[in-house]
């Protein structure tokens, strides 16, 4: 019995150091995890990094804000692109501008004819018959921020990059001047539409100014239109730009002058996140 108690005592003495040793290792393990978390928390870290292991294909998150949603010509627009990517990998962030006009023609002739191809009214219904789109700039690069520059835009509080760009709204002329010279810039198809609209809206005196020898069969004796189908066909077939220009007393574009801002956040794998916004001003 004494021998057995002695053996039991020895067994207990052997297990105590083992338990203590395991506890020490466990505490060291926990301490190591806590230390690692503290270090990581002090570093630049985006909000979604901890969701999983990257496969190198993740696109960036991108949000673009503007200080003014209705800027006028001459205003300065502040564009702020906020972006983050789960692995903090970027190729570049790019700002673009696209400028275009969408307009109809409003013109008057010497003898009372008034035409507006943007707003033609028939039976109390208003609709456009000719709208021209003139692209002044097409996705022209405003600014490129390469990956090597990104750290200078890091904002710790928001845990993201914030890139700020100032853009001044300017009126830039396109291919179509805002005066009677615009007629010369019209394509053949566009001028055909102008002639068609004019054929149904011209006054008798303006028609005779264009075609002094027009017979009476070109005119109606009453009703909605001044010209008969014969007169309409004659104007469409024979009116030229050179004939029309001297008779124009006033011509202007009527429509919108638009600026579109695009922003792309691009990763090294080519994954692209884009935003776009268009701002319109009346011409």
Protein backbone atom coordinates (compact mmCIF):
# COMPACT_ATOMS: atom_id res chain seq x y z
CA UNK A 1 0.00 0.00 0.00
CA UNK A 2 2.87 2.40 0.76
CA UNK A 3 4.39 1.70 -2.59
CA UNK A 4 1.12 2.42 -4.34
CA UNK A 5 0.65 5.75 -2.55
CA UNK A 6 4.19 6.68 -3.48
CA UNK A 7 3.51 5.89 -7.11
CA UNK A 8 0.31 7.90 -7.05
CA UNK A 9 2.14 10.82 -5.57
CA UNK A 10 4.72 10.67 -8.31
CA UNK A 11 2.06 10.58 -11.00
CA UNK A 12 0.50 13.74 -9.67
CA UNK A 13 3.88 15.46 -9.54
CA UNK A 14 4.55 14.60 -13.19
CA UNK A 15 1.16 15.97 -14.50
CA UNK A 16 1.38 19.40 -12.79
CA UNK A 17 4.32 20.70 -14.86
CA UNK A 18 2.67 19.46 -18.05
CA UNK A 19 -0.55 21.38 -17.33
CA UNK A 20 1.39 24.53 -16.45
CA UNK A 21 3.46 24.21 -19.60
CA UNK A 22 0.33 23.89 -21.76
CA UNK A 23 -1.19 26.94 -20.06
CA UNK A 24 1.92 28.98 -20.79
CA UNK A 25 1.83 28.01 -24.44
CA UNK A 26 -1.89 28.88 -24.63
CA UNK A 27 -1.31 32.29 -23.05
CA UNK A 28 1.57 32.98 -25.44
CA UNK A 29 -0.70 32.04 -28.37
CA UNK A 30 -3.45 34.42 -27.21
CA UNK A 31 -0.89 37.16 -26.59
CA UNK A 32 0.49 36.67 -30.10
CA UNK A 33 -2.98 37.03 -31.67
CA UNK A 34 -3.72 40.19 -29.66
CA UNK A 35 -0.37 41.69 -30.63
CA UNK A 36 -1.00 40.95 -34.32
CA UNK A 37 -4.45 42.54 -34.17
CA UNK A 38 -3.02 45.67 -32.54
CA UNK A 39 -0.37 45.96 -35.26
CA UNK A 40 -2.89 45.45 -38.06
CA UNK A 41 -5.28 47.98 -36.51
CA UNK A 42 -2.54 50.62 -36.67
CA UNK A 43 -1.92 50.06 -40.37
CA UNK A 44 -3.88 51.32 -43.41
CA UNK A 45 -6.72 48.84 -43.81
CA UNK A 46 -9.88 48.92 -45.88
CA UNK A 47 -13.27 47.96 -44.44
CA UNK A 48 -13.71 44.76 -46.45
CA UNK A 49 -10.22 43.23 -46.27
CA UNK A 50 -11.23 40.70 -43.63
CA UNK A 51 -14.02 39.16 -45.67
CA UNK A 52 -11.82 36.56 -47.35
CA UNK A 53 -8.68 35.69 -49.25
CA UNK A 54 -8.22 37.48 -52.53
CA UNK A 55 -8.04 35.71 -55.85
CA UNK A 56 -6.57 38.79 -57.53
CA UNK A 57 -9.80 39.65 -59.35
CA UNK A 58 -11.61 41.99 -56.94
CA UNK A 59 -12.80 45.34 -58.27
CA UNK A 60 -12.44 48.52 -56.26
CA UNK A 61 -15.31 50.22 -54.50
CA UNK A 62 -15.95 53.74 -55.77
CA UNK A 63 -18.19 56.60 -54.71
CA UNK A 64 -18.04 60.03 -56.38
CA UNK A 65 -19.62 63.14 -54.88
CA UNK A 66 -20.01 66.72 -56.15
CA UNK A 67 -20.28 69.99 -54.26
CA UNK A 68 -22.90 71.27 -56.72
CA UNK A 69 -25.54 69.28 -58.58
CA UNK A 70 -26.58 72.16 -60.85
CA UNK A 71 -23.41 74.03 -61.83
CA UNK A 72 -23.71 76.90 -64.29
CA UNK A 73 -21.18 77.97 -66.89
CA UNK A 74 -18.29 79.59 -65.05
CA UNK A 75 -18.81 77.66 -61.80
CA UNK A 76 -16.10 75.53 -60.23
CA UNK A 77 -17.20 71.96 -59.55
CA UNK A 78 -15.45 70.00 -56.79
CA UNK A 79 -15.33 66.30 -57.63
CA UNK A 80 -14.36 63.90 -54.84
CA UNK A 81 -13.70 60.25 -55.67
CA UNK A 82 -13.65 58.00 -52.59
CA UNK A 83 -12.33 54.51 -53.26
CA UNK A 84 -11.02 51.42 -51.52
CA UNK A 85 -10.08 47.92 -52.62
CA UNK A 86 -9.97 44.82 -50.44
CA UNK A 87 -6.28 44.14 -51.19
CA UNK A 88 -5.30 47.79 -51.61
CA UNK A 89 -4.24 47.10 -55.20
CA UNK A 90 -4.71 49.74 -57.88
CA UNK A 91 -3.46 50.39 -61.35
CA UNK A 92 -4.88 53.92 -61.52
CA UNK A 93 -7.86 56.19 -61.00
CA UNK A 94 -8.90 58.28 -64.01
CA UNK A 95 -11.17 61.33 -64.36
CA UNK A 96 -12.73 62.02 -67.79
CA UNK A 97 -14.83 64.79 -69.34
CA UNK A 98 -17.28 64.56 -72.22
CA UNK A 99 -18.85 67.73 -73.62
CA UNK A 100 -21.76 67.74 -76.05
CA UNK A 101 -24.61 69.90 -77.23
CA UNK A 102 -28.08 68.67 -78.13
CA UNK A 103 -30.07 71.33 -79.91
CA UNK A 104 -32.65 72.28 -82.47
CA UNK A 105 -32.68 75.31 -84.76
CA UNK A 106 -34.80 78.35 -84.07
CA UNK A 107 -34.78 80.81 -86.94
CA UNK A 108 -36.79 83.61 -88.47
CA UNK A 109 -37.01 84.73 -92.10
CA UNK A 110 -37.44 88.28 -93.36
CA UNK A 111 -41.17 87.99 -94.00
CA UNK A 112 -42.63 86.47 -90.88
CA UNK A 113 -41.68 82.79 -91.01
CA UNK A 114 -40.60 81.41 -87.61
CA UNK A 115 -39.30 77.84 -87.31
CA UNK A 116 -38.22 75.91 -84.22
CA UNK A 117 -37.13 72.35 -84.99
CA UNK A 118 -36.91 71.50 -81.28
CA UNK A 119 -40.53 72.39 -80.58
CA UNK A 120 -42.97 71.87 -83.42
CA UNK A 121 -46.62 72.01 -82.42
CA UNK A 122 -49.26 70.00 -84.26
CA UNK A 123 -52.76 69.59 -82.83
CA UNK A 124 -51.60 70.86 -79.41
CA UNK A 125 -48.80 68.29 -79.33
CA UNK A 126 -45.22 69.58 -79.18
CA UNK A 127 -42.38 67.42 -80.47
CA UNK A 128 -38.92 67.87 -82.04
CA UNK A 129 -38.38 67.37 -85.76
CA UNK A 130 -34.63 67.94 -85.75
CA UNK A 131 -32.23 67.61 -82.83
CA UNK A 132 -28.52 67.76 -83.53
CA UNK A 133 -25.89 66.33 -81.20
CA UNK A 134 -22.51 68.00 -81.44
CA UNK A 135 -19.78 66.22 -79.46
CA UNK A 136 -17.11 68.74 -78.49
CA UNK A 137 -15.03 66.34 -76.39
CA UNK A 138 -15.47 62.60 -76.09
CA UNK A 139 -14.21 61.09 -72.82
CA UNK A 140 -11.13 63.26 -72.73
CA UNK A 141 -8.77 62.49 -69.81
CA UNK A 142 -8.86 65.18 -67.14
CA UNK A 143 -6.50 63.56 -64.68
CA UNK A 144 -4.82 60.22 -64.01
CA UNK A 145 -3.67 59.13 -60.56
CA UNK A 146 -1.28 56.20 -60.83
CA UNK A 147 -0.86 53.53 -58.14
CA UNK A 148 2.40 55.15 -56.98
CA UNK A 149 0.49 58.36 -56.13
CA UNK A 150 -2.40 56.76 -54.24
CA UNK A 151 -0.87 56.91 -50.75
CA UNK A 152 -0.82 60.70 -50.83
CA UNK A 153 -4.64 60.58 -50.99
CA UNK A 154 -5.17 58.15 -48.09
CA UNK A 155 -7.63 59.33 -45.41
CA UNK A 156 -7.33 57.40 -42.15
CA UNK A 157 -10.66 58.53 -40.71
CA UNK A 158 -12.70 57.21 -43.65
CA UNK A 159 -10.33 54.27 -44.23
CA UNK A 160 -10.27 55.01 -47.95
CA UNK A 161 -8.59 57.10 -50.62
CA UNK A 162 -10.19 60.47 -51.32
CA UNK A 163 -9.10 62.15 -54.55
CA UNK A 164 -10.27 65.71 -55.10
CA UNK A 165 -10.46 67.38 -58.50
CA UNK A 166 -11.54 70.94 -59.34
CA UNK A 167 -13.35 71.33 -62.64
CA UNK A 168 -14.34 74.70 -64.12
CA UNK A 169 -17.45 74.70 -66.29
CA UNK A 170 -16.54 76.40 -69.57
CA UNK A 171 -18.48 76.94 -72.75
CA UNK A 172 -16.48 75.51 -75.65
CA UNK A 173 -17.70 75.92 -79.21
CA UNK A 174 -18.18 72.81 -81.28
CA UNK A 175 -18.65 72.35 -85.02
CA UNK A 176 -21.93 74.28 -85.17
CA UNK A 177 -21.71 78.08 -84.55
CA UNK A 178 -24.61 79.76 -82.80
CA UNK A 179 -25.52 82.06 -85.72
CA UNK A 180 -26.68 81.89 -89.33
CA UNK A 181 -23.37 80.31 -90.35
CA UNK A 182 -24.68 77.16 -88.73
CA UNK A 183 -26.70 76.47 -91.89
CA UNK A 184 -23.50 75.83 -93.84
CA UNK A 185 -22.50 73.20 -91.26
CA UNK A 186 -25.68 71.18 -91.65
CA UNK A 187 -25.31 67.78 -93.26
CA UNK A 188 -27.41 66.93 -96.31
CA UNK A 189 -29.77 64.86 -94.15
CA UNK A 190 -30.10 67.65 -91.57
CA UNK A 191 -30.81 70.26 -94.23
CA UNK A 192 -33.43 68.01 -95.82
CA UNK A 193 -35.25 67.97 -92.48
CA UNK A 194 -35.01 71.77 -92.21
CA UNK A 195 -36.51 72.09 -95.70
CA UNK A 196 -39.32 69.71 -94.79
CA UNK A 197 -40.20 71.68 -91.65
CA UNK A 198 -39.94 74.95 -93.55
CA UNK A 199 -42.23 73.70 -96.31
CA UNK A 200 -45.09 73.37 -93.82
CA UNK A 201 -44.38 76.59 -91.91
CA UNK A 202 -43.27 79.18 -94.46
CA UNK A 203 -45.26 82.32 -95.19
CA UNK A 204 -46.38 83.23 -98.70
CA UNK A 205 -44.09 86.26 -98.83
CA UNK A 206 -41.02 84.29 -97.77
CA UNK A 207 -41.80 81.58 -100.32
CA UNK A 208 -42.09 84.21 -103.05
CA UNK A 209 -38.79 85.72 -101.89
CA UNK A 210 -37.20 82.33 -102.51
CA UNK A 211 -39.17 81.52 -105.68
CA UNK A 212 -40.35 84.81 -107.26
CA UNK A 213 -41.84 83.07 -110.28
CA UNK A 214 -43.87 80.54 -108.30
CA UNK A 215 -47.28 79.87 -109.94
CA UNK A 216 -50.54 80.15 -108.04
CA UNK A 217 -50.78 76.37 -108.00
CA UNK A 218 -48.07 76.39 -105.30
CA UNK A 219 -50.40 78.13 -102.83
CA UNK A 220 -53.53 77.06 -101.01
CA UNK A 221 -56.53 79.33 -100.71
CA UNK A 222 -56.88 78.68 -97.00
CA UNK A 223 -56.34 76.04 -94.36
CA UNK A 224 -53.42 75.03 -92.18
CA UNK A 225 -50.59 75.39 -94.67
CA UNK A 226 -49.68 78.11 -97.15
CA UNK A 227 -48.29 75.72 -99.75
CA UNK A 228 -50.02 73.03 -101.72
CA UNK A 229 -48.33 69.68 -102.15
CA UNK A 230 -46.88 71.03 -105.41
CA UNK A 231 -45.34 73.97 -103.59
CA UNK A 232 -44.10 71.75 -100.76
CA UNK A 233 -42.43 69.41 -103.22
CA UNK A 234 -40.84 72.33 -105.06
CA UNK A 235 -39.31 73.77 -101.88
CA UNK A 236 -37.96 70.40 -100.78
CA UNK A 237 -36.46 69.69 -104.18
CA UNK A 238 -35.00 73.09 -105.06
CA UNK A 239 -34.19 75.10 -101.94
CA UNK A 240 -30.43 75.39 -101.37
CA UNK A 241 -28.41 76.72 -98.45
CA UNK A 242 -27.20 79.60 -100.61
CA UNK A 243 -30.80 80.61 -101.31
CA UNK A 244 -31.90 80.37 -97.69
CA UNK A 245 -29.03 82.16 -95.95
CA UNK A 246 -29.75 85.73 -97.23
CA UNK A 247 -33.35 85.42 -96.10
CA UNK A 248 -32.52 84.46 -92.49
CA UNK A 249 -33.02 87.40 -90.13
CA UNK A 250 -32.16 85.50 -86.95
CA UNK A 251 -30.90 82.01 -86.10
CA UNK A 252 -29.92 80.43 -82.82
CA UNK A 253 -29.50 77.04 -81.27
CA UNK A 254 -32.04 75.98 -78.66
CA UNK A 255 -31.31 73.01 -76.41
CA UNK A 256 -28.78 71.90 -73.83
CA UNK A 257 -25.06 72.14 -73.29
CA UNK A 258 -23.99 69.06 -71.35
CA UNK A 259 -20.87 68.02 -69.49
CA UNK A 260 -20.48 64.41 -68.40
CA UNK A 261 -17.93 63.43 -65.76
CA UNK A 262 -16.73 59.82 -65.66
CA UNK A 263 -14.42 58.32 -63.03
CA UNK A 264 -12.78 54.89 -63.31
CA UNK A 265 -10.99 52.97 -60.54
CA UNK A 266 -8.85 50.29 -62.19
CA UNK A 267 -6.99 47.38 -60.56
CA UNK A 268 -3.84 45.70 -61.93
CA UNK A 269 -5.98 42.82 -63.24
CA UNK A 270 -8.04 45.26 -65.31
CA UNK A 271 -11.15 45.15 -63.14
CA UNK A 272 -12.78 48.56 -63.56
CA UNK A 273 -15.37 50.29 -61.42
CA UNK A 274 -16.97 53.35 -63.04
CA UNK A 275 -19.31 56.18 -62.15
CA UNK A 276 -20.83 58.79 -64.44
CA UNK A 277 -22.88 61.96 -64.05
CA UNK A 278 -24.14 64.48 -66.59
CA UNK A 279 -24.74 68.17 -65.92
CA UNK A 280 -26.98 70.13 -68.31
CA UNK A 281 -27.23 73.84 -69.04
CA UNK A 282 -29.51 75.57 -71.49
CA UNK A 283 -27.93 76.93 -74.64
